[in-house]
């Protein structure tokens, strides 16, 4: 992911919500794609 260990620790802890940019990095690193969408309630 080309990120620091502390950034990964924050993501894993769930204490800080991840940014869209971080989620994109995770998707690329895991061979998946990030998809964010709105759905009717």
PDB file of N, CA and C in Angstrom:
ATOM      1  N   UNK A   1       0.810  -1.197   0.000  1.00  0.00           N
ATOM      2  CA  UNK A   1       0.000   0.000   0.000  1.00  0.00           C
ATOM      3  C   UNK A   1       0.850   1.256   0.000  1.00  0.00           C
ATOM      4  N   UNK A   2       2.105   1.127   0.261  1.00  0.00           N
ATOM      5  CA  UNK A   2       3.005   2.278   0.339  1.00  0.00           C
ATOM      6  C   UNK A   2       2.502   3.297   1.359  1.00  0.00           C
ATOM      7  N   UNK A   3       2.249   2.814   2.558  1.00  0.00           N
ATOM      8  CA  UNK A   3       1.811   3.677   3.649  1.00  0.00           C
ATOM      9  C   UNK A   3       2.566   3.289   4.909  1.00  0.00           C
ATOM     10  N   UNK A   4       2.459   4.096   5.927  1.00  0.00           N
ATOM     11  CA  UNK A   4       3.206   3.830   7.151  1.00  0.00           C
ATOM     12  C   UNK A   4       2.507   2.786   8.009  1.00  0.00           C
ATOM     13  N   UNK A   5       3.272   2.182   8.890  1.00  0.00           N
ATOM     14  CA  UNK A   5       2.733   1.197   9.813  1.00  0.00           C
ATOM     15  C   UNK A   5       1.702   1.843  10.730  1.00  0.00           C
ATOM     16  N   UNK A   6       1.946   3.089  11.130  1.00  0.00           N
ATOM     17  CA  UNK A   6       1.005   3.760  12.021  1.00  0.00           C
ATOM     18  C   UNK A   6      -0.334   4.006  11.324  1.00  0.00           C
ATOM     19  N   UNK A   7      -0.320   4.301  10.022  1.00  0.00           N
ATOM     20  CA  UNK A   7      -1.566   4.494   9.272  1.00  0.00           C
ATOM     21  C   UNK A   7      -2.348   3.184   9.197  1.00  0.00           C
ATOM     22  N   UNK A   8      -1.642   2.082   8.989  1.00  0.00           N
ATOM     23  CA  UNK A   8      -2.293   0.774   8.959  1.00  0.00           C
ATOM     24  C   UNK A   8      -2.870   0.446  10.331  1.00  0.00           C
ATOM     25  N   UNK A   9      -2.144   0.753  11.392  1.00  0.00           N
ATOM     26  CA  UNK A   9      -2.625   0.488  12.755  1.00  0.00           C
ATOM     27  C   UNK A   9      -3.898   1.278  13.043  1.00  0.00           C
ATOM     28  N   UNK A  10      -3.955   2.534  12.612  1.00  0.00           N
ATOM     29  CA  UNK A  10      -5.166   3.335  12.811  1.00  0.00           C
ATOM     30  C   UNK A  10      -6.339   2.736  12.055  1.00  0.00           C
ATOM     31  N   UNK A  11      -6.091   2.275  10.842  1.00  0.00           N
ATOM     32  CA  UNK A  11      -7.136   1.658  10.033  1.00  0.00           C
ATOM     33  C   UNK A  11      -7.637   0.379  10.699  1.00  0.00           C
ATOM     34  N   UNK A  12      -6.728  -0.441  11.175  1.00  0.00           N
ATOM     35  CA  UNK A  12      -7.100  -1.709  11.811  1.00  0.00           C
ATOM     36  C   UNK A  12      -7.829  -1.496  13.132  1.00  0.00           C
ATOM     37  N   UNK A  13      -7.480  -0.429  13.845  1.00  0.00           N
ATOM     38  CA  UNK A  13      -8.092  -0.209  15.161  1.00  0.00           C
ATOM     39  C   UNK A  13      -9.548   0.217  15.050  1.00  0.00           C
ATOM     40  N   UNK A  14      -9.908   0.861  13.954  1.00  0.00           N
ATOM     41  CA  UNK A  14     -11.269   1.339  13.784  1.00  0.00           C
ATOM     42  C   UNK A  14     -11.555   2.624  14.549  1.00  0.00           C
ATOM     43  N   UNK A  15     -10.553   3.200  15.160  1.00  0.00           N
ATOM     44  CA  UNK A  15     -10.743   4.436  15.930  1.00  0.00           C
ATOM     45  C   UNK A  15     -10.947   5.648  15.035  1.00  0.00           C
ATOM     46  N   UNK A  16     -10.341   5.619  13.861  1.00  0.00           N
ATOM     47  CA  UNK A  16     -10.424   6.746  12.939  1.00  0.00           C
ATOM     48  C   UNK A  16     -11.037   6.252  11.633  1.00  0.00           C
ATOM     49  N   UNK A  17     -12.090   6.900  11.151  1.00  0.00           N
ATOM     50  CA  UNK A  17     -12.670   6.451   9.873  1.00  0.00           C
ATOM     51  C   UNK A  17     -11.677   6.675   8.733  1.00  0.00           C
ATOM     52  N   UNK A  18     -11.521   5.701   7.845  1.00  0.00           N
ATOM     53  CA  UNK A  18     -10.562   5.840   6.743  1.00  0.00           C
ATOM     54  C   UNK A  18     -11.047   6.843   5.705  1.00  0.00           C
ATOM     55  N   UNK A  19     -10.109   7.500   5.070  1.00  0.00           N
ATOM     56  CA  UNK A  19     -10.454   8.425   3.991  1.00  0.00           C
ATOM     57  C   UNK A  19     -10.707   7.616   2.719  1.00  0.00           C
ATOM     58  N   UNK A  20     -11.326   8.267   1.765  1.00  0.00           N
ATOM     59  CA  UNK A  20     -11.560   7.628   0.469  1.00  0.00           C
ATOM     60  C   UNK A  20     -10.228   7.253  -0.171  1.00  0.00           C
ATOM     61  N   UNK A  21      -9.253   8.110  -0.024  1.00  0.00           N
ATOM     62  CA  UNK A  21      -7.928   7.832  -0.599  1.00  0.00           C
ATOM     63  C   UNK A  21      -7.325   6.562   0.003  1.00  0.00           C
ATOM     64  N   UNK A  22      -7.450   6.407   1.315  1.00  0.00           N
ATOM     65  CA  UNK A  22      -6.934   5.207   1.970  1.00  0.00           C
ATOM     66  C   UNK A  22      -7.681   3.972   1.493  1.00  0.00           C
ATOM     67  N   UNK A  23      -8.989   4.069   1.374  1.00  0.00           N
ATOM     68  CA  UNK A  23      -9.776   2.934   0.888  1.00  0.00           C
ATOM     69  C   UNK A  23      -9.380   2.567  -0.543  1.00  0.00           C
ATOM     70  N   UNK A  24      -9.054   3.569  -1.366  1.00  0.00           N
ATOM     71  CA  UNK A  24      -8.588   3.300  -2.730  1.00  0.00           C
ATOM     72  C   UNK A  24      -7.258   2.553  -2.708  1.00  0.00           C
ATOM     73  N   UNK A  25      -6.371   2.936  -1.801  1.00  0.00           N
ATOM     74  CA  UNK A  25      -5.083   2.251  -1.672  1.00  0.00           C
ATOM     75  C   UNK A  25      -5.279   0.792  -1.255  1.00  0.00           C
ATOM     76  N   UNK A  26      -6.187   0.555  -0.318  1.00  0.00           N
ATOM     77  CA  UNK A  26      -6.472  -0.804   0.128  1.00  0.00           C
ATOM     78  C   UNK A  26      -7.021  -1.626  -1.036  1.00  0.00           C
ATOM     79  N   UNK A  27      -7.917  -1.038  -1.793  1.00  0.00           N
ATOM     80  CA  UNK A  27      -8.497  -1.742  -2.942  1.00  0.00           C
ATOM     81  C   UNK A  27      -7.421  -2.127  -3.955  1.00  0.00           C
ATOM     82  N   UNK A  28      -6.562  -1.180  -4.293  1.00  0.00           N
ATOM     83  CA  UNK A  28      -5.480  -1.489  -5.245  1.00  0.00           C
ATOM     84  C   UNK A  28      -4.559  -2.576  -4.709  1.00  0.00           C
ATOM     85  N   UNK A  29      -4.217  -2.486  -3.427  1.00  0.00           N
ATOM     86  CA  UNK A  29      -3.290  -3.444  -2.825  1.00  0.00           C
ATOM     87  C   UNK A  29      -3.880  -4.851  -2.749  1.00  0.00           C
ATOM     88  N   UNK A  30      -5.207  -4.942  -2.702  1.00  0.00           N
ATOM     89  CA  UNK A  30      -5.850  -6.254  -2.586  1.00  0.00           C
ATOM     90  C   UNK A  30      -6.444  -6.747  -3.904  1.00  0.00           C
ATOM     91  N   UNK A  31      -6.184  -6.012  -4.970  1.00  0.00           N
ATOM     92  CA  UNK A  31      -6.673  -6.437  -6.282  1.00  0.00           C
ATOM     93  C   UNK A  31      -8.183  -6.327  -6.424  1.00  0.00           C
ATOM     94  N   UNK A  32      -8.769  -5.386  -5.703  1.00  0.00           N
ATOM     95  CA  UNK A  32     -10.214  -5.166  -5.791  1.00  0.00           C
ATOM     96  C   UNK A  32     -10.458  -3.727  -6.215  1.00  0.00           C
ATOM     97  N   UNK A  33     -11.722  -3.365  -6.369  1.00  0.00           N
ATOM     98  CA  UNK A  33     -12.021  -1.976  -6.690  1.00  0.00           C
ATOM     99  C   UNK A  33     -12.940  -1.412  -5.620  1.00  0.00           C
ATOM    100  N   UNK A  34     -12.757  -0.157  -5.340  1.00  0.00           N
ATOM    101  CA  UNK A  34     -13.575   0.545  -4.362  1.00  0.00           C
ATOM    102  C   UNK A  34     -14.839   1.021  -5.052  1.00  0.00           C
ATOM    103  N   UNK A  35     -15.970   0.729  -4.425  1.00  0.00           N
ATOM    104  CA  UNK A  35     -17.250   1.163  -4.979  1.00  0.00           C
ATOM    105  C   UNK A  35     -18.056   1.785  -3.850  1.00  0.00           C
ATOM    106  N   UNK A  36     -18.389   3.055  -4.001  1.00  0.00           N
ATOM    107  CA  UNK A  36     -19.190   3.772  -3.015  1.00  0.00           C
ATOM    108  C   UNK A  36     -20.446   4.232  -3.728  1.00  0.00           C
ATOM    109  N   UNK A  37     -21.602   3.922  -3.146  1.00  0.00           N
ATOM    110  CA  UNK A  37     -22.840   4.338  -3.799  1.00  0.00           C
ATOM    111  C   UNK A  37     -23.917   4.634  -2.765  1.00  0.00           C
ATOM    112  N   UNK A  38     -24.897   5.378  -3.196  1.00  0.00           N
ATOM    113  CA  UNK A  38     -26.051   5.687  -2.380  1.00  0.00           C
ATOM    114  C   UNK A  38     -27.207   4.782  -2.809  1.00  0.00           C
ATOM    115  N   UNK A  39     -27.941   4.284  -1.847  1.00  0.00           N
ATOM    116  CA  UNK A  39     -29.110   3.448  -2.150  1.00  0.00           C
ATOM    117  C   UNK A  39     -30.327   4.020  -1.439  1.00  0.00           C
ATOM    118  N   UNK A  40     -31.504   3.814  -2.001  1.00  0.00           N
ATOM    119  CA  UNK A  40     -32.704   4.310  -1.337  1.00  0.00           C
ATOM    120  C   UNK A  40     -32.870   3.657   0.036  1.00  0.00           C
ATOM    121  N   UNK A  41     -33.408   4.414   0.960  1.00  0.00           N
ATOM    122  CA  UNK A  41     -33.617   3.900   2.320  1.00  0.00           C
ATOM    123  C   UNK A  41     -34.742   2.875   2.360  1.00  0.00           C
TER     124      UNK A  41
END
